[in-house]
């Protein structure tokens, strides 16, 4: 897997940095991503909620880089020196 650059992004209304990328699976393409934000409380709340969040930012798909907005499910939240990191998977095809 190649390395991707962080870009300005939003997860719901939270401002931060992140990106999404496509990944081949046995079931077809899956879309995953990462988001870094400052508000630990708000990001944890997104992970605990049943509702989907909306990611707005750069999607890397093969050799293309596009600005997209799509629904995601936050799967994990990790504290890092760069802030809170939220891992997510797309719940719809971007």
PDB file of N, CA and C in Angstrom:
ATOM      1  N   UNK A   1       0.849  -1.180   0.000  1.00  0.00           N
ATOM      2  CA  UNK A   1       0.000   0.000   0.000  1.00  0.00           C
ATOM      3  C   UNK A   1       0.891   1.238   0.000  1.00  0.00           C
ATOM      4  N   UNK A   2       0.539   2.188  -0.799  1.00  0.00           N
ATOM      5  CA  UNK A   2       1.335   3.415  -0.865  1.00  0.00           C
ATOM      6  C   UNK A   2       0.960   4.364   0.269  1.00  0.00           C
ATOM      7  N   UNK A   3       1.782   5.341   0.478  1.00  0.00           N
ATOM      8  CA  UNK A   3       1.527   6.318   1.530  1.00  0.00           C
ATOM      9  C   UNK A   3       0.734   7.491   0.974  1.00  0.00           C
ATOM     10  N   UNK A   4      -0.156   8.017   1.785  1.00  0.00           N
ATOM     11  CA  UNK A   4      -1.010   9.126   1.378  1.00  0.00           C
ATOM     12  C   UNK A   4      -0.721  10.344   2.242  1.00  0.00           C
ATOM     13  N   UNK A   5      -1.037  11.531   1.714  1.00  0.00           N
ATOM     14  CA  UNK A   5      -0.836  12.780   2.445  1.00  0.00           C
ATOM     15  C   UNK A   5      -2.097  13.178   3.186  1.00  0.00           C
ATOM     16  N   UNK A   6      -1.924  13.774   4.358  1.00  0.00           N
ATOM     17  CA  UNK A   6      -3.059  14.333   5.097  1.00  0.00           C
ATOM     18  C   UNK A   6      -3.502  15.630   4.424  1.00  0.00           C
ATOM     19  N   UNK A   7      -4.800  15.841   4.354  1.00  0.00           N
ATOM     20  CA  UNK A   7      -5.378  17.057   3.792  1.00  0.00           C
ATOM     21  C   UNK A   7      -6.424  17.581   4.766  1.00  0.00           C
ATOM     22  N   UNK A   8      -6.788  18.854   4.631  1.00  0.00           N
ATOM     23  CA  UNK A   8      -7.882  19.389   5.434  1.00  0.00           C
ATOM     24  C   UNK A   8      -9.125  18.557   5.166  1.00  0.00           C
ATOM     25  N   UNK A   9      -9.847  18.227   6.239  1.00  0.00           N
ATOM     26  CA  UNK A   9     -11.022  17.370   6.112  1.00  0.00           C
ATOM     27  C   UNK A   9     -12.007  17.693   7.222  1.00  0.00           C
ATOM     28  N   UNK A  10     -13.217  17.160   7.091  1.00  0.00           N
ATOM     29  CA  UNK A  10     -14.248  17.290   8.113  1.00  0.00           C
ATOM     30  C   UNK A  10     -14.849  15.924   8.396  1.00  0.00           C
ATOM     31  N   UNK A  11     -15.152  15.677   9.642  1.00  0.00           N
ATOM     32  CA  UNK A  11     -15.901  14.501  10.055  1.00  0.00           C
ATOM     33  C   UNK A  11     -17.104  15.051  10.791  1.00  0.00           C
ATOM     34  N   UNK A  12     -18.264  14.957  10.160  1.00  0.00           N
ATOM     35  CA  UNK A  12     -19.448  15.723  10.549  1.00  0.00           C
ATOM     36  C   UNK A  12     -19.054  17.195  10.531  1.00  0.00           C
ATOM     37  N   UNK A  13     -19.140  17.897  11.628  1.00  0.00           N
ATOM     38  CA  UNK A  13     -18.770  19.321  11.622  1.00  0.00           C
ATOM     39  C   UNK A  13     -17.389  19.573  12.221  1.00  0.00           C
ATOM     40  N   UNK A  14     -16.677  18.499  12.583  1.00  0.00           N
ATOM     41  CA  UNK A  14     -15.346  18.644  13.179  1.00  0.00           C
ATOM     42  C   UNK A  14     -14.303  18.922  12.115  1.00  0.00           C
ATOM     43  N   UNK A  15     -13.512  19.956  12.313  1.00  0.00           N
ATOM     44  CA  UNK A  15     -12.419  20.304  11.400  1.00  0.00           C
ATOM     45  C   UNK A  15     -11.177  19.515  11.799  1.00  0.00           C
ATOM     46  N   UNK A  16     -10.415  19.078  10.816  1.00  0.00           N
ATOM     47  CA  UNK A  16      -9.179  18.364  11.101  1.00  0.00           C
ATOM     48  C   UNK A  16      -8.465  18.037   9.814  1.00  0.00           C
ATOM     49  N   UNK A  17      -7.701  16.951   9.857  1.00  0.00           N
ATOM     50  CA  UNK A  17      -6.969  16.482   8.677  1.00  0.00           C
ATOM     51  C   UNK A  17      -7.239  15.000   8.504  1.00  0.00           C
ATOM     52  N   UNK A  18      -7.216  14.556   7.247  1.00  0.00           N
ATOM     53  CA  UNK A  18      -7.420  13.140   7.006  1.00  0.00           C
ATOM     54  C   UNK A  18      -7.492  12.826   5.532  1.00  0.00           C
ATOM     55  N   UNK A  19      -7.841  11.588   5.238  1.00  0.00           N
ATOM     56  CA  UNK A  19      -8.006  11.131   3.872  1.00  0.00           C
ATOM     57  C   UNK A  19      -8.764   9.805   3.885  1.00  0.00           C
ATOM     58  N   UNK A  20      -9.268   9.434   2.720  1.00  0.00           N
ATOM     59  CA  UNK A  20      -9.891   8.132   2.527  1.00  0.00           C
ATOM     60  C   UNK A  20      -9.188   7.459   1.353  1.00  0.00           C
ATOM     61  N   UNK A  21      -9.279   6.145   1.289  1.00  0.00           N
ATOM     62  CA  UNK A  21      -8.626   5.411   0.210  1.00  0.00           C
ATOM     63  C   UNK A  21      -9.432   4.159  -0.118  1.00  0.00           C
ATOM     64  N   UNK A  22      -9.253   3.667  -1.342  1.00  0.00           N
ATOM     65  CA  UNK A  22      -9.920   2.429  -1.736  1.00  0.00           C
ATOM     66  C   UNK A  22      -8.970   1.266  -1.518  1.00  0.00           C
ATOM     67  N   UNK A  23      -9.570   0.111  -1.247  1.00  0.00           N
ATOM     68  CA  UNK A  23      -8.778  -1.083  -1.009  1.00  0.00           C
ATOM     69  C   UNK A  23      -9.511  -2.268  -1.637  1.00  0.00           C
ATOM     70  N   UNK A  24      -8.805  -3.071  -2.413  1.00  0.00           N
ATOM     71  CA  UNK A  24      -9.434  -4.243  -3.021  1.00  0.00           C
ATOM     72  C   UNK A  24      -9.633  -5.323  -1.963  1.00  0.00           C
ATOM     73  N   UNK A  25     -10.805  -5.940  -1.991  1.00  0.00           N
ATOM     74  CA  UNK A  25     -11.099  -7.071  -1.113  1.00  0.00           C
ATOM     75  C   UNK A  25     -11.690  -8.185  -1.963  1.00  0.00           C
ATOM     76  N   UNK A  26     -11.923  -9.339  -1.379  1.00  0.00           N
ATOM     77  CA  UNK A  26     -12.540 -10.440  -2.123  1.00  0.00           C
ATOM     78  C   UNK A  26     -13.988 -10.118  -2.491  1.00  0.00           C
ATOM     79  N   UNK A  27     -14.578  -9.127  -1.821  1.00  0.00           N
ATOM     80  CA  UNK A  27     -15.964  -8.738  -2.084  1.00  0.00           C
ATOM     81  C   UNK A  27     -16.064  -7.525  -3.005  1.00  0.00           C
ATOM     82  N   UNK A  28     -14.960  -7.033  -3.517  1.00  0.00           N
ATOM     83  CA  UNK A  28     -14.941  -5.829  -4.334  1.00  0.00           C
ATOM     84  C   UNK A  28     -14.142  -4.757  -3.624  1.00  0.00           C
ATOM     85  N   UNK A  29     -14.392  -3.510  -3.966  1.00  0.00           N
ATOM     86  CA  UNK A  29     -13.665  -2.402  -3.337  1.00  0.00           C
ATOM     87  C   UNK A  29     -14.272  -2.033  -1.996  1.00  0.00           C
ATOM     88  N   UNK A  30     -13.399  -1.743  -1.043  1.00  0.00           N
ATOM     89  CA  UNK A  30     -13.813  -1.191   0.251  1.00  0.00           C
ATOM     90  C   UNK A  30     -13.179   0.187   0.358  1.00  0.00           C
ATOM     91  N   UNK A  31     -13.849   1.103   1.020  1.00  0.00           N
ATOM     92  CA  UNK A  31     -13.329   2.457   1.203  1.00  0.00           C
ATOM     93  C   UNK A  31     -13.115   2.681   2.689  1.00  0.00           C
ATOM     94  N   UNK A  32     -11.877   2.988   3.043  1.00  0.00           N
ATOM     95  CA  UNK A  32     -11.494   3.205   4.439  1.00  0.00           C
ATOM     96  C   UNK A  32     -10.817   4.551   4.545  1.00  0.00           C
ATOM     97  N   UNK A  33     -10.565   4.989   5.778  1.00  0.00           N
ATOM     98  CA  UNK A  33      -9.869   6.248   5.929  1.00  0.00           C
ATOM     99  C   UNK A  33      -9.477   6.534   7.359  1.00  0.00           C
ATOM    100  N   UNK A  34      -8.874   7.694   7.520  1.00  0.00           N
ATOM    101  CA  UNK A  34      -8.393   8.135   8.824  1.00  0.00           C
ATOM    102  C   UNK A  34      -8.635   9.637   8.944  1.00  0.00           C
ATOM    103  N   UNK A  35      -8.956  10.074  10.161  1.00  0.00           N
ATOM    104  CA  UNK A  35      -9.221  11.487  10.432  1.00  0.00           C
ATOM    105  C   UNK A  35      -8.535  11.852  11.740  1.00  0.00           C
ATOM    106  N   UNK A  36      -7.801  12.967  11.753  1.00  0.00           N
ATOM    107  CA  UNK A  36      -7.154  13.467  12.968  1.00  0.00           C
ATOM    108  C   UNK A  36      -7.837  14.762  13.381  1.00  0.00           C
ATOM    109  N   UNK A  37      -8.279  14.832  14.627  1.00  0.00           N
ATOM    110  CA  UNK A  37      -8.919  16.027  15.141  1.00  0.00           C
ATOM    111  C   UNK A  37      -8.468  16.314  16.557  1.00  0.00           C
ATOM    112  N   UNK A  38      -8.790  17.500  17.041  1.00  0.00           N
ATOM    113  CA  UNK A  38      -8.353  17.927  18.370  1.00  0.00           C
ATOM    114  C   UNK A  38      -9.301  17.492  19.489  1.00  0.00           C
ATOM    115  N   UNK A  39     -10.589  17.440  19.222  1.00  0.00           N
ATOM    116  CA  UNK A  39     -11.592  17.221  20.261  1.00  0.00           C
ATOM    117  C   UNK A  39     -11.803  15.738  20.556  1.00  0.00           C
ATOM    118  N   UNK A  40     -11.133  15.256  21.595  1.00  0.00           N
ATOM    119  CA  UNK A  40     -11.251  13.852  21.986  1.00  0.00           C
ATOM    120  C   UNK A  40     -12.700  13.497  22.300  1.00  0.00           C
ATOM    121  N   UNK A  41     -13.377  14.386  23.008  1.00  0.00           N
ATOM    122  CA  UNK A  41     -14.770  14.152  23.399  1.00  0.00           C
ATOM    123  C   UNK A  41     -15.675  13.958  22.187  1.00  0.00           C
ATOM    124  N   UNK A  42     -15.581  14.864  21.218  1.00  0.00           N
ATOM    125  CA  UNK A  42     -16.443  14.822  20.033  1.00  0.00           C
ATOM    126  C   UNK A  42     -16.157  13.586  19.169  1.00  0.00           C
ATOM    127  N   UNK A  43     -14.904  13.245  19.015  1.00  0.00           N
ATOM    128  CA  UNK A  43     -14.547  12.082  18.196  1.00  0.00           C
ATOM    129  C   UNK A  43     -14.995  10.792  18.873  1.00  0.00           C
ATOM    130  N   UNK A  44     -14.808  10.699  20.185  1.00  0.00           N
ATOM    131  CA  UNK A  44     -15.279   9.524  20.931  1.00  0.00           C
ATOM    132  C   UNK A  44     -16.793   9.374  20.799  1.00  0.00           C
ATOM    133  N   UNK A  45     -17.506  10.509  20.828  1.00  0.00           N
ATOM    134  CA  UNK A  45     -18.958  10.498  20.695  1.00  0.00           C
ATOM    135  C   UNK A  45     -19.368   9.912  19.339  1.00  0.00           C
ATOM    136  N   UNK A  46     -18.647  10.269  18.276  1.00  0.00           N
ATOM    137  CA  UNK A  46     -18.938   9.729  16.939  1.00  0.00           C
ATOM    138  C   UNK A  46     -18.742   8.215  16.896  1.00  0.00           C
ATOM    139  N   UNK A  47     -17.741   7.717  17.593  1.00  0.00           N
ATOM    140  CA  UNK A  47     -17.463   6.278  17.606  1.00  0.00           C
ATOM    141  C   UNK A  47     -18.534   5.521  18.388  1.00  0.00           C
ATOM    142  N   UNK A  48     -19.087   6.143  19.423  1.00  0.00           N
ATOM    143  CA  UNK A  48     -20.068   5.480  20.266  1.00  0.00           C
ATOM    144  C   UNK A  48     -21.477   5.505  19.677  1.00  0.00           C
ATOM    145  N   UNK A  49     -21.759   6.474  18.820  1.00  0.00           N
ATOM    146  CA  UNK A  49     -23.102   6.623  18.264  1.00  0.00           C
ATOM    147  C   UNK A  49     -23.408   5.531  17.253  1.00  0.00           C
ATOM    148  N   UNK A  50     -24.694   5.175  17.162  1.00  0.00           N
ATOM    149  CA  UNK A  50     -25.151   4.221  16.161  1.00  0.00           C
ATOM    150  C   UNK A  50     -25.244   4.883  14.790  1.00  0.00           C
ATOM    151  N   UNK A  51     -25.486   6.204  14.766  1.00  0.00           N
ATOM    152  CA  UNK A  51     -25.660   6.927  13.506  1.00  0.00           C
ATOM    153  C   UNK A  51     -24.354   7.018  12.739  1.00  0.00           C
ATOM    154  N   UNK A  52     -24.486   7.162  11.437  1.00  0.00           N
ATOM    155  CA  UNK A  52     -23.320   7.337  10.580  1.00  0.00           C
ATOM    156  C   UNK A  52     -22.837   8.775  10.645  1.00  0.00           C
ATOM    157  N   UNK A  53     -21.566   8.961  10.388  1.00  0.00           N
ATOM    158  CA  UNK A  53     -20.975  10.299  10.287  1.00  0.00           C
ATOM    159  C   UNK A  53     -20.744  10.600   8.808  1.00  0.00           C
ATOM    160  N   UNK A  54     -20.450  11.853   8.500  1.00  0.00           N
ATOM    161  CA  UNK A  54     -20.156  12.240   7.122  1.00  0.00           C
ATOM    162  C   UNK A  54     -18.717  12.726   7.043  1.00  0.00           C
ATOM    163  N   UNK A  55     -17.945  12.094   6.156  1.00  0.00           N
ATOM    164  CA  UNK A  55     -16.565  12.498   5.910  1.00  0.00           C
ATOM    165  C   UNK A  55     -16.549  13.379   4.678  1.00  0.00           C
ATOM    166  N   UNK A  56     -15.860  14.517   4.765  1.00  0.00           N
ATOM    167  CA  UNK A  56     -15.657  15.404   3.620  1.00  0.00           C
ATOM    168  C   UNK A  56     -14.161  15.628   3.489  1.00  0.00           C
ATOM    169  N   UNK A  57     -13.601  15.183   2.375  1.00  0.00           N
ATOM    170  CA  UNK A  57     -12.164  15.350   2.179  1.00  0.00           C
ATOM    171  C   UNK A  57     -11.681  14.616   0.955  1.00  0.00           C
ATOM    172  N   UNK A  58     -10.393  14.338   0.919  1.00  0.00           N
ATOM    173  CA  UNK A  58      -9.746  13.722  -0.236  1.00  0.00           C
ATOM    174  C   UNK A  58      -9.931  12.201  -0.202  1.00  0.00           C
ATOM    175  N   UNK A  59     -10.327  11.652  -1.345  1.00  0.00           N
ATOM    176  CA  UNK A  59     -10.406  10.212  -1.543  1.00  0.00           C
ATOM    177  C   UNK A  59      -9.353   9.826  -2.571  1.00  0.00           C
ATOM    178  N   UNK A  60      -8.465   8.903  -2.192  1.00  0.00           N
ATOM    179  CA  UNK A  60      -7.478   8.344  -3.117  1.00  0.00           C
ATOM    180  C   UNK A  60      -8.078   7.062  -3.682  1.00  0.00           C
ATOM    181  N   UNK A  61      -8.273   7.034  -5.000  1.00  0.00           N
ATOM    182  CA  UNK A  61      -8.821   5.850  -5.653  1.00  0.00           C
ATOM    183  C   UNK A  61      -7.947   5.537  -6.858  1.00  0.00           C
ATOM    184  N   UNK A  62      -7.195   4.464  -6.774  1.00  0.00           N
ATOM    185  CA  UNK A  62      -6.160   4.112  -7.755  1.00  0.00           C
ATOM    186  C   UNK A  62      -5.168   5.262  -7.843  1.00  0.00           C
ATOM    187  N   UNK A  63      -4.998   5.861  -8.996  1.00  0.00           N
ATOM    188  CA  UNK A  63      -4.011   6.943  -9.108  1.00  0.00           C
ATOM    189  C   UNK A  63      -4.661   8.320  -9.042  1.00  0.00           C
ATOM    190  N   UNK A  64      -5.957   8.366  -8.720  1.00  0.00           N
ATOM    191  CA  UNK A  64      -6.657   9.654  -8.676  1.00  0.00           C
ATOM    192  C   UNK A  64      -6.854  10.142  -7.243  1.00  0.00           C
ATOM    193  N   UNK A  65      -6.952  11.445  -7.141  1.00  0.00           N
ATOM    194  CA  UNK A  65      -7.161  12.131  -5.856  1.00  0.00           C
ATOM    195  C   UNK A  65      -8.344  13.072  -6.071  1.00  0.00           C
ATOM    196  N   UNK A  66      -9.463  12.822  -5.364  1.00  0.00           N
ATOM    197  CA  UNK A  66     -10.670  13.626  -5.572  1.00  0.00           C
ATOM    198  C   UNK A  66     -11.249  14.095  -4.240  1.00  0.00           C
ATOM    199  N   UNK A  67     -11.891  15.245  -4.285  1.00  0.00           N
ATOM    200  CA  UNK A  67     -12.620  15.771  -3.127  1.00  0.00           C
ATOM    201  C   UNK A  67     -13.988  15.087  -3.113  1.00  0.00           C
ATOM    202  N   UNK A  68     -14.340  14.408  -1.993  1.00  0.00           N
ATOM    203  CA  UNK A  68     -15.603  13.683  -1.908  1.00  0.00           C
ATOM    204  C   UNK A  68     -16.243  13.878  -0.542  1.00  0.00           C
ATOM    205  N   UNK A  69     -17.532  13.586  -0.494  1.00  0.00           N
ATOM    206  CA  UNK A  69     -18.293  13.597   0.752  1.00  0.00           C
ATOM    207  C   UNK A  69     -19.143  12.333   0.767  1.00  0.00           C
ATOM    208  N   UNK A  70     -19.056  11.544   1.856  1.00  0.00           N
ATOM    209  CA  UNK A  70     -19.821  10.304   1.932  1.00  0.00           C
ATOM    210  C   UNK A  70     -19.987   9.861   3.384  1.00  0.00           C
ATOM    211  N   UNK A  71     -20.950   8.957   3.600  1.00  0.00           N
ATOM    212  CA  UNK A  71     -21.260   8.447   4.943  1.00  0.00           C
ATOM    213  C   UNK A  71     -20.240   7.401   5.361  1.00  0.00           C
ATOM    214  N   UNK A  72     -19.857   7.468   6.631  1.00  0.00           N
ATOM    215  CA  UNK A  72     -18.874   6.526   7.169  1.00  0.00           C
ATOM    216  C   UNK A  72     -19.303   6.059   8.557  1.00  0.00           C
ATOM    217  N   UNK A  73     -18.710   4.959   8.979  1.00  0.00           N
ATOM    218  CA  UNK A  73     -18.870   4.459  10.336  1.00  0.00           C
ATOM    219  C   UNK A  73     -17.503   4.501  10.994  1.00  0.00           C
ATOM    220  N   UNK A  74     -17.400   5.181  12.130  1.00  0.00           N
ATOM    221  CA  UNK A  74     -16.133   5.261  12.867  1.00  0.00           C
ATOM    222  C   UNK A  74     -15.928   3.926  13.576  1.00  0.00           C
ATOM    223  N   UNK A  75     -14.811   3.258  13.276  1.00  0.00           N
ATOM    224  CA  UNK A  75     -14.562   1.925  13.819  1.00  0.00           C
ATOM    225  C   UNK A  75     -13.616   1.919  15.011  1.00  0.00           C
ATOM    226  N   UNK A  76     -12.759   2.942  15.110  1.00  0.00           N
ATOM    227  CA  UNK A  76     -11.766   2.953  16.188  1.00  0.00           C
ATOM    228  C   UNK A  76     -11.296   4.382  16.425  1.00  0.00           C
ATOM    229  N   UNK A  77     -10.996   4.695  17.686  1.00  0.00           N
ATOM    230  CA  UNK A  77     -10.434   6.002  18.049  1.00  0.00           C
ATOM    231  C   UNK A  77      -9.188   5.756  18.881  1.00  0.00           C
ATOM    232  N   UNK A  78      -8.079   6.395  18.484  1.00  0.00           N
ATOM    233  CA  UNK A  78      -6.789   6.203  19.150  1.00  0.00           C
ATOM    234  C   UNK A  78      -6.193   7.570  19.463  1.00  0.00           C
ATOM    235  N   UNK A  79      -5.647   7.734  20.666  1.00  0.00           N
ATOM    236  CA  UNK A  79      -4.955   8.972  21.025  1.00  0.00           C
ATOM    237  C   UNK A  79      -3.534   8.915  20.474  1.00  0.00           C
ATOM    238  N   UNK A  80      -3.140   9.976  19.765  1.00  0.00           N
ATOM    239  CA  UNK A  80      -1.790  10.059  19.202  1.00  0.00           C
ATOM    240  C   UNK A  80      -1.205  11.421  19.545  1.00  0.00           C
ATOM    241  N   UNK A  81       0.090  11.614  19.356  1.00  0.00           N
ATOM    242  CA  UNK A  81       0.683  12.940  19.590  1.00  0.00           C
ATOM    243  C   UNK A  81       0.106  14.009  18.657  1.00  0.00           C
ATOM    244  N   UNK A  82      -0.450  13.597  17.508  1.00  0.00           N
ATOM    245  CA  UNK A  82      -1.038  14.546  16.548  1.00  0.00           C
ATOM    246  C   UNK A  82      -2.481  14.887  16.866  1.00  0.00           C
ATOM    247  N   UNK A  83      -3.034  14.304  17.902  1.00  0.00           N
ATOM    248  CA  UNK A  83      -4.434  14.505  18.245  1.00  0.00           C
ATOM    249  C   UNK A  83      -5.161  13.172  18.259  1.00  0.00           C
ATOM    250  N   UNK A  84      -6.475  13.232  18.262  1.00  0.00           N
ATOM    251  CA  UNK A  84      -7.266  12.008  18.263  1.00  0.00           C
ATOM    252  C   UNK A  84      -7.378  11.483  16.845  1.00  0.00           C
ATOM    253  N   UNK A  85      -7.156  10.195  16.678  1.00  0.00           N
ATOM    254  CA  UNK A  85      -7.228   9.575  15.348  1.00  0.00           C
ATOM    255  C   UNK A  85      -8.474   8.697  15.291  1.00  0.00           C
ATOM    256  N   UNK A  86      -9.323   8.959  14.299  1.00  0.00           N
ATOM    257  CA  UNK A  86     -10.515   8.148  14.077  1.00  0.00           C
ATOM    258  C   UNK A  86     -10.341   7.360  12.792  1.00  0.00           C
ATOM    259  N   UNK A  87     -10.424   6.046  12.893  1.00  0.00           N
ATOM    260  CA  UNK A  87     -10.406   5.179  11.710  1.00  0.00           C
ATOM    261  C   UNK A  87     -11.860   4.970  11.297  1.00  0.00           C
ATOM    262  N   UNK A  88     -12.121   4.925   9.995  1.00  0.00           N
ATOM    263  CA  UNK A  88     -13.492   4.740   9.551  1.00  0.00           C
ATOM    264  C   UNK A  88     -13.578   3.898   8.288  1.00  0.00           C
ATOM    265  N   UNK A  89     -14.781   3.382   8.032  1.00  0.00           N
ATOM    266  CA  UNK A  89     -15.084   2.661   6.801  1.00  0.00           C
ATOM    267  C   UNK A  89     -16.318   3.302   6.188  1.00  0.00           C
ATOM    268  N   UNK A  90     -16.358   3.344   4.872  1.00  0.00           N
ATOM    269  CA  UNK A  90     -17.505   3.935   4.170  1.00  0.00           C
ATOM    270  C   UNK A  90     -18.695   2.994   4.270  1.00  0.00           C
ATOM    271  N   UNK A  91     -19.877   3.562   4.476  1.00  0.00           N
ATOM    272  CA  UNK A  91     -21.099   2.773   4.504  1.00  0.00           C
ATOM    273  C   UNK A  91     -21.852   2.874   3.189  1.00  0.00           C
ATOM    274  N   UNK A  92     -21.342   3.670   2.277  1.00  0.00           N
ATOM    275  CA  UNK A  92     -21.886   3.793   0.926  1.00  0.00           C
ATOM    276  C   UNK A  92     -20.721   3.972  -0.030  1.00  0.00           C
ATOM    277  N   UNK A  93     -20.945   3.698  -1.307  1.00  0.00           N
ATOM    278  CA  UNK A  93     -19.878   3.889  -2.289  1.00  0.00           C
ATOM    279  C   UNK A  93     -19.741   5.377  -2.607  1.00  0.00           C
ATOM    280  N   UNK A  94     -18.544   5.950  -2.406  1.00  0.00           N
ATOM    281  CA  UNK A  94     -18.348   7.378  -2.673  1.00  0.00           C
ATOM    282  C   UNK A  94     -18.447   7.727  -4.147  1.00  0.00           C
TER     283      UNK A  94
END
